[in-house]
Amino acid sequence: MYHLTKMVSKQKSKTYKGVGVKLKYFMLLLLPAVMFASGHEGGEGQTDIVPRVINFAIFAGILYYLIAKPAKEYFTGRTKEIADRLSSIQDKLKESKDEKDKALASVKDADENAIDIIETAKKEAQMLSDKVEQNLQKDLENLQKSHDEKILVEEKKMSREVVSEVIDDMFNSGKIDLKDSDFLNIIKKKVA
């Protein structure tokens, strides 16, 4: 409790000290006005310019004392507000520049991808064309081979039929006189 009382008394003494200093300055400013306010009733050659200048100086001092702090706070706040708006505008400008750069980069990537896709499609089309051509060539070769084999089979079939007819005619007509050993030799030659 003692400590708290001591702190409060220090605060009061600072407050009174601050008020006392301000009061002293105010009195110092008023002193010339009081001194020149003595009863000179204007003689020849005397003017009241000095008291008016002093009164104006006192008025200007009081006006400054009353208006300086609010005016300073107003202009400081206004400066801060303008700085904040400028900062937010710069941030928005930076964001828009970043978005523009990203958009340009994505357009560039899209162009590169499109070129790659076109090249890949051309290569695939060429490969597919080559593959189709190879398959057609193989099919043609297979058809030719099959055709040749069928011709050989038909030729053999026809020669067998002709041989069979000739042999049948010869056996039926009795013009050939063959022995069993000759038949065996012919069969052995045929089999071998």
C-alpha atoms as a PDB file:
ATOM      1  CA  MET A   1       0.000   0.000   0.000  1.00  0.00           C
ATOM      2  CA  TYR A   2       2.859   2.347   0.849  1.00  0.00           C
ATOM      3  CA  HIS A   3       4.449   1.661  -2.519  1.00  0.00           C
ATOM      4  CA  LEU A   4       1.170   2.431  -4.322  1.00  0.00           C
ATOM      5  CA  THR A   5       0.752   5.711  -2.406  1.00  0.00           C
ATOM      6  CA  LYS A   6       4.309   6.704  -3.258  1.00  0.00           C
ATOM      7  CA  MET A   7       3.659   6.059  -6.966  1.00  0.00           C
ATOM      8  CA  VAL A   8       0.447   8.133  -6.906  1.00  0.00           C
ATOM      9  CA  SER A   9       2.200  11.037  -5.181  1.00  0.00           C
ATOM     10  CA  LYS A  10       4.996  10.932  -7.809  1.00  0.00           C
ATOM     11  CA  GLN A  11       2.425  11.028 -10.570  1.00  0.00           C
ATOM     12  CA  LYS A  12       0.639  13.984  -8.958  1.00  0.00           C
ATOM     13  CA  SER A  13       3.893  15.866  -8.500  1.00  0.00           C
ATOM     14  CA  LYS A  14       4.739  15.315 -12.177  1.00  0.00           C
ATOM     15  CA  THR A  15       1.275  16.511 -13.154  1.00  0.00           C
ATOM     16  CA  TYR A  16       1.490  19.577 -10.926  1.00  0.00           C
ATOM     17  CA  LYS A  17       5.035  20.201 -12.089  1.00  0.00           C
ATOM     18  CA  GLY A  18       3.905  20.087 -15.742  1.00  0.00           C
ATOM     19  CA  VAL A  19       0.991  22.412 -15.030  1.00  0.00           C
ATOM     20  CA  GLY A  20       3.279  24.726 -13.063  1.00  0.00           C
ATOM     21  CA  VAL A  21       5.735  25.007 -15.935  1.00  0.00           C
ATOM     22  CA  LYS A  22       2.940  25.748 -18.377  1.00  0.00           C
ATOM     23  CA  LEU A  23       1.477  28.334 -16.020  1.00  0.00           C
ATOM     24  CA  LYS A  24       4.860  30.033 -15.673  1.00  0.00           C
ATOM     25  CA  TYR A  25       5.236  30.302 -19.436  1.00  0.00           C
ATOM     26  CA  PHE A  26       1.721  31.626 -19.791  1.00  0.00           C
ATOM     27  CA  MET A  27       2.375  34.278 -17.115  1.00  0.00           C
ATOM     28  CA  LEU A  28       5.630  35.195 -18.807  1.00  0.00           C
ATOM     29  CA  LEU A  29       3.742  35.772 -22.039  1.00  0.00           C
ATOM     30  CA  LEU A  30       1.091  37.910 -20.311  1.00  0.00           C
ATOM     31  CA  LEU A  31       3.591  40.064 -18.414  1.00  0.00           C
ATOM     32  CA  PRO A  32       4.508  42.301 -21.377  1.00  0.00           C
ATOM     33  CA  ALA A  33       0.841  42.839 -22.147  1.00  0.00           C
ATOM     34  CA  VAL A  34       0.222  43.969 -18.602  1.00  0.00           C
ATOM     35  CA  MET A  35       3.270  46.224 -18.679  1.00  0.00           C
ATOM     36  CA  PHE A  36       2.274  47.937 -21.885  1.00  0.00           C
ATOM     37  CA  ALA A  37      -1.308  48.237 -20.832  1.00  0.00           C
ATOM     38  CA  SER A  38      -0.334  51.107 -18.510  1.00  0.00           C
ATOM     39  CA  GLY A  39      -2.140  54.369 -19.015  1.00  0.00           C
ATOM     40  CA  HIS A  40      -0.434  56.155 -21.855  1.00  0.00           C
ATOM     41  CA  GLU A  41      -3.107  58.193 -23.449  1.00  0.00           C
ATOM     42  CA  GLY A  42      -1.383  58.680 -26.705  1.00  0.00           C
ATOM     43  CA  GLY A  43       0.741  61.726 -27.021  1.00  0.00           C
ATOM     44  CA  GLU A  44       2.344  63.172 -29.964  1.00  0.00           C
ATOM     45  CA  GLY A  45       4.484  60.770 -31.884  1.00  0.00           C
ATOM     46  CA  GLN A  46       3.462  57.733 -29.884  1.00  0.00           C
ATOM     47  CA  THR A  47       1.590  54.905 -31.510  1.00  0.00           C
ATOM     48  CA  ASP A  48       0.045  51.786 -30.153  1.00  0.00           C
ATOM     49  CA  ILE A  49       1.877  49.460 -32.572  1.00  0.00           C
ATOM     50  CA  VAL A  50       4.051  47.814 -29.925  1.00  0.00           C
ATOM     51  CA  PRO A  51       1.150  46.764 -27.667  1.00  0.00           C
ATOM     52  CA  ARG A  52      -0.736  45.485 -30.701  1.00  0.00           C
ATOM     53  CA  VAL A  53       2.249  43.418 -31.843  1.00  0.00           C
ATOM     54  CA  ILE A  54       2.621  42.004 -28.347  1.00  0.00           C
ATOM     55  CA  ASN A  55      -1.109  41.227 -28.164  1.00  0.00           C
ATOM     56  CA  PHE A  56      -0.912  39.562 -31.570  1.00  0.00           C
ATOM     57  CA  ALA A  57       2.107  37.530 -30.448  1.00  0.00           C
ATOM     58  CA  ILE A  58       0.245  36.432 -27.307  1.00  0.00           C
ATOM     59  CA  PHE A  59      -2.836  35.579 -29.375  1.00  0.00           C
ATOM     60  CA  ALA A  60      -0.703  33.638 -31.869  1.00  0.00           C
ATOM     61  CA  GLY A  61       1.046  31.785 -29.003  1.00  0.00           C
ATOM     62  CA  ILE A  62      -2.263  30.825 -27.374  1.00  0.00           C
ATOM     63  CA  LEU A  63      -3.679  29.805 -30.722  1.00  0.00           C
ATOM     64  CA  TYR A  64      -0.585  27.709 -31.421  1.00  0.00           C
ATOM     65  CA  TYR A  65      -0.805  26.142 -27.945  1.00  0.00           C
ATOM     66  CA  LEU A  66      -4.429  25.168 -28.498  1.00  0.00           C
ATOM     67  CA  ILE A  67      -4.290  24.124 -32.140  1.00  0.00           C
ATOM     68  CA  ALA A  68      -0.777  22.698 -32.574  1.00  0.00           C
ATOM     69  CA  LYS A  69      -1.391  19.247 -31.083  1.00  0.00           C
ATOM     70  CA  PRO A  70      -4.740  18.546 -32.849  1.00  0.00           C
ATOM     71  CA  ALA A  71      -3.352  19.919 -36.123  1.00  0.00           C
ATOM     72  CA  LYS A  72      -0.236  17.772 -35.774  1.00  0.00           C
ATOM     73  CA  GLU A  73      -2.345  14.694 -34.993  1.00  0.00           C
ATOM     74  CA  TYR A  74      -4.626  15.437 -37.960  1.00  0.00           C
ATOM     75  CA  PHE A  75      -1.765  15.846 -40.415  1.00  0.00           C
ATOM     76  CA  THR A  76       0.090  12.836 -38.985  1.00  0.00           C
ATOM     77  CA  GLY A  77      -3.073  10.741 -39.337  1.00  0.00           C
ATOM     78  CA  ARG A  78      -3.695  12.061 -42.826  1.00  0.00           C
ATOM     79  CA  THR A  79      -0.093  11.300 -43.811  1.00  0.00           C
ATOM     80  CA  LYS A  80      -0.423   7.791 -42.410  1.00  0.00           C
ATOM     81  CA  GLU A  81      -3.747   7.291 -44.216  1.00  0.00           C
ATOM     82  CA  ILE A  82      -2.226   8.425 -47.526  1.00  0.00           C
ATOM     83  CA  ALA A  83       0.820   6.189 -46.937  1.00  0.00           C
ATOM     84  CA  ASP A  84      -1.479   3.222 -46.178  1.00  0.00           C
ATOM     85  CA  ARG A  85      -3.528   3.823 -49.327  1.00  0.00           C
ATOM     86  CA  LEU A  86      -0.356   4.185 -51.386  1.00  0.00           C
ATOM     87  CA  SER A  87       0.980   0.974 -49.871  1.00  0.00           C
ATOM     88  CA  SER A  88      -2.253  -0.898 -50.618  1.00  0.00           C
ATOM     89  CA  ILE A  89      -2.249   0.432 -54.191  1.00  0.00           C
ATOM     90  CA  GLN A  90       1.366  -0.681 -54.613  1.00  0.00           C
ATOM     91  CA  ASP A  91       0.455  -4.113 -53.213  1.00  0.00           C
ATOM     92  CA  LYS A  92      -2.441  -4.398 -55.671  1.00  0.00           C
ATOM     93  CA  LEU A  93      -0.173  -3.281 -58.507  1.00  0.00           C
ATOM     94  CA  LYS A  94       2.414  -5.877 -57.518  1.00  0.00           C
ATOM     95  CA  GLU A  95      -0.273  -8.583 -57.298  1.00  0.00           C
ATOM     96  CA  SER A  96      -1.620  -7.649 -60.724  1.00  0.00           C
ATOM     97  CA  LYS A  97       1.910  -7.696 -62.176  1.00  0.00           C
ATOM     98  CA  ASP A  98       2.475 -11.124 -60.608  1.00  0.00           C
ATOM     99  CA  GLU A  99      -0.824 -12.386 -62.052  1.00  0.00           C
ATOM    100  CA  LYS A 100       0.113 -10.947 -65.452  1.00  0.00           C
ATOM    101  CA  ASP A 101       3.501 -12.677 -65.298  1.00  0.00           C
ATOM    102  CA  LYS A 102       1.821 -15.952 -64.302  1.00  0.00           C
ATOM    103  CA  ALA A 103      -0.680 -15.605 -67.154  1.00  0.00           C
ATOM    104  CA  LEU A 104       2.105 -14.894 -69.653  1.00  0.00           C
ATOM    105  CA  ALA A 105       4.081 -17.860 -68.341  1.00  0.00           C
ATOM    106  CA  SER A 106       1.045 -20.141 -68.656  1.00  0.00           C
ATOM    107  CA  VAL A 107       0.426 -18.875 -72.219  1.00  0.00           C
ATOM    108  CA  LYS A 108       4.064 -19.568 -73.069  1.00  0.00           C
ATOM    109  CA  ASP A 109       3.798 -23.056 -71.538  1.00  0.00           C
ATOM    110  CA  ALA A 110       0.581 -23.674 -73.468  1.00  0.00           C
ATOM    111  CA  ASP A 111       2.283 -22.629 -76.719  1.00  0.00           C
ATOM    112  CA  GLU A 112       5.212 -24.941 -76.020  1.00  0.00           C
ATOM    113  CA  ASN A 113       2.833 -27.782 -75.119  1.00  0.00           C
ATOM    114  CA  ALA A 114       0.845 -27.191 -78.301  1.00  0.00           C
ATOM    115  CA  ILE A 115       4.026 -27.370 -80.388  1.00  0.00           C
ATOM    116  CA  ASP A 116       5.077 -30.556 -78.576  1.00  0.00           C
ATOM    117  CA  ILE A 117       1.626 -32.086 -79.088  1.00  0.00           C
ATOM    118  CA  ILE A 118       1.674 -31.232 -82.803  1.00  0.00           C
ATOM    119  CA  GLU A 119       5.136 -32.752 -83.211  1.00  0.00           C
ATOM    120  CA  THR A 120       4.110 -35.849 -81.272  1.00  0.00           C
ATOM    121  CA  ALA A 121       0.950 -36.199 -83.364  1.00  0.00           C
ATOM    122  CA  LYS A 122       2.982 -35.931 -86.585  1.00  0.00           C
ATOM    123  CA  LYS A 123       5.424 -38.571 -85.346  1.00  0.00           C
ATOM    124  CA  GLU A 124       2.581 -40.868 -84.268  1.00  0.00           C
ATOM    125  CA  ALA A 125       0.839 -40.407 -87.621  1.00  0.00           C
ATOM    126  CA  GLN A 126       4.064 -41.257 -89.472  1.00  0.00           C
ATOM    127  CA  MET A 127       4.641 -44.294 -87.244  1.00  0.00           C
ATOM    128  CA  LEU A 128       1.064 -45.439 -87.744  1.00  0.00           C
ATOM    129  CA  SER A 129       1.362 -44.955 -91.516  1.00  0.00           C
ATOM    130  CA  ASP A 130       4.619 -46.941 -91.547  1.00  0.00           C
ATOM    131  CA  LYS A 131       3.053 -49.693 -89.441  1.00  0.00           C
ATOM    132  CA  VAL A 132      -0.007 -49.907 -91.720  1.00  0.00           C
ATOM    133  CA  GLU A 133       2.274 -50.046 -94.762  1.00  0.00           C
ATOM    134  CA  GLN A 134       4.355 -52.823 -93.169  1.00  0.00           C
ATOM    135  CA  ASN A 135       1.218 -54.784 -92.270  1.00  0.00           C
ATOM    136  CA  LEU A 136      -0.114 -54.399 -95.824  1.00  0.00           C
ATOM    137  CA  GLN A 137       3.225 -55.547 -97.237  1.00  0.00           C
ATOM    138  CA  LYS A 138       3.195 -58.603 -94.950  1.00  0.00           C
ATOM    139  CA  ASP A 139      -0.399 -59.345 -95.902  1.00  0.00           C
ATOM    140  CA  LEU A 140       0.488 -59.091 -99.595  1.00  0.00           C
ATOM    141  CA  GLU A 141       3.477 -61.387 -99.094  1.00  0.00           C
ATOM    142  CA  ASN A 142       1.306 -63.874 -97.169  1.00  0.00           C
ATOM    143  CA  LEU A 143      -1.355 -63.774 -99.897  1.00  0.00           C
ATOM    144  CA  GLN A 144       1.281 -64.311-102.594  1.00  0.00           C
ATOM    145  CA  LYS A 145       2.800 -67.193-100.641  1.00  0.00           C
ATOM    146  CA  SER A 146      -0.623 -68.725-100.031  1.00  0.00           C
ATOM    147  CA  HIS A 147      -1.473 -68.342-103.702  1.00  0.00           C
ATOM    148  CA  ASP A 148       1.812 -69.978-104.737  1.00  0.00           C
ATOM    149  CA  GLU A 149       1.214 -72.856-102.312  1.00  0.00           C
ATOM    150  CA  LYS A 150      -2.304 -73.342-103.638  1.00  0.00           C
ATOM    151  CA  ILE A 151      -0.952 -73.420-107.201  1.00  0.00           C
ATOM    152  CA  LEU A 152       1.618 -76.067-106.200  1.00  0.00           C
ATOM    153  CA  VAL A 153      -1.041 -78.117-104.443  1.00  0.00           C
ATOM    154  CA  GLU A 154      -3.337 -77.868-107.456  1.00  0.00           C
ATOM    155  CA  GLU A 155      -0.503 -78.760-109.837  1.00  0.00           C
ATOM    156  CA  LYS A 156       0.369 -81.835-107.750  1.00  0.00           C
ATOM    157  CA  LYS A 157      -3.279 -82.763-107.535  1.00  0.00           C
ATOM    158  CA  MET A 158      -3.694 -82.427-111.284  1.00  0.00           C
ATOM    159  CA  SER A 159      -0.524 -84.404-111.989  1.00  0.00           C
ATOM    160  CA  ARG A 160      -1.690 -87.190-109.658  1.00  0.00           C
ATOM    161  CA  GLU A 161      -5.072 -87.253-111.327  1.00  0.00           C
ATOM    162  CA  VAL A 162      -3.435 -87.405-114.773  1.00  0.00           C
ATOM    163  CA  VAL A 163      -0.979 -90.094-113.649  1.00  0.00           C
ATOM    164  CA  SER A 164      -3.804 -92.000-111.994  1.00  0.00           C
ATOM    165  CA  GLU A 165      -5.909 -91.829-115.151  1.00  0.00           C
ATOM    166  CA  VAL A 166      -2.998 -92.882-117.339  1.00  0.00           C
ATOM    167  CA  ILE A 167      -2.130 -95.790-115.039  1.00  0.00           C
ATOM    168  CA  ASP A 168      -5.771 -96.823-114.777  1.00  0.00           C
ATOM    169  CA  ASP A 169      -6.076 -96.714-118.570  1.00  0.00           C
ATOM    170  CA  MET A 170      -2.910 -98.746-118.978  1.00  0.00           C
ATOM    171  CA  PHE A 171      -3.915-101.336-116.439  1.00  0.00           C
ATOM    172  CA  ASN A 172      -7.386-101.580-117.808  1.00  0.00           C
ATOM    173  CA  SER A 173      -6.207-101.864-121.384  1.00  0.00           C
ATOM    174  CA  GLY A 174      -3.521-104.426-120.503  1.00  0.00           C
ATOM    175  CA  LYS A 175      -0.812-102.719-122.463  1.00  0.00           C
ATOM    176  CA  ILE A 176       1.661-102.641-119.605  1.00  0.00           C
ATOM    177  CA  ASP A 177       3.190-105.796-118.436  1.00  0.00           C
ATOM    178  CA  LEU A 178       4.756-105.195-115.034  1.00  0.00           C
ATOM    179  CA  LYS A 179       5.942-107.646-112.545  1.00  0.00           C
ATOM    180  CA  ASP A 180       5.591-107.438-108.821  1.00  0.00           C
ATOM    181  CA  SER A 181       9.283-106.599-108.435  1.00  0.00           C
ATOM    182  CA  ASP A 182       8.884-103.663-110.818  1.00  0.00           C
ATOM    183  CA  PHE A 183       5.940-102.400-108.711  1.00  0.00           C
ATOM    184  CA  LEU A 184       8.043-102.706-105.580  1.00  0.00           C
ATOM    185  CA  ASN A 185      10.887-100.706-107.188  1.00  0.00           C
ATOM    186  CA  ILE A 186       8.489 -97.957-108.314  1.00  0.00           C
ATOM    187  CA  ILE A 187       6.950 -97.720-104.830  1.00  0.00           C
ATOM    188  CA  LYS A 188      10.407 -97.619-103.202  1.00  0.00           C
ATOM    189  CA  LYS A 189      11.481 -94.788-105.541  1.00  0.00           C
ATOM    190  CA  LYS A 190       8.288 -92.914-104.792  1.00  0.00           C
ATOM    191  CA  VAL A 191       8.631 -93.309-101.048  1.00  0.00           C
ATOM    192  CA  ALA A 192      12.331 -92.426-100.989  1.00  0.00           C
END
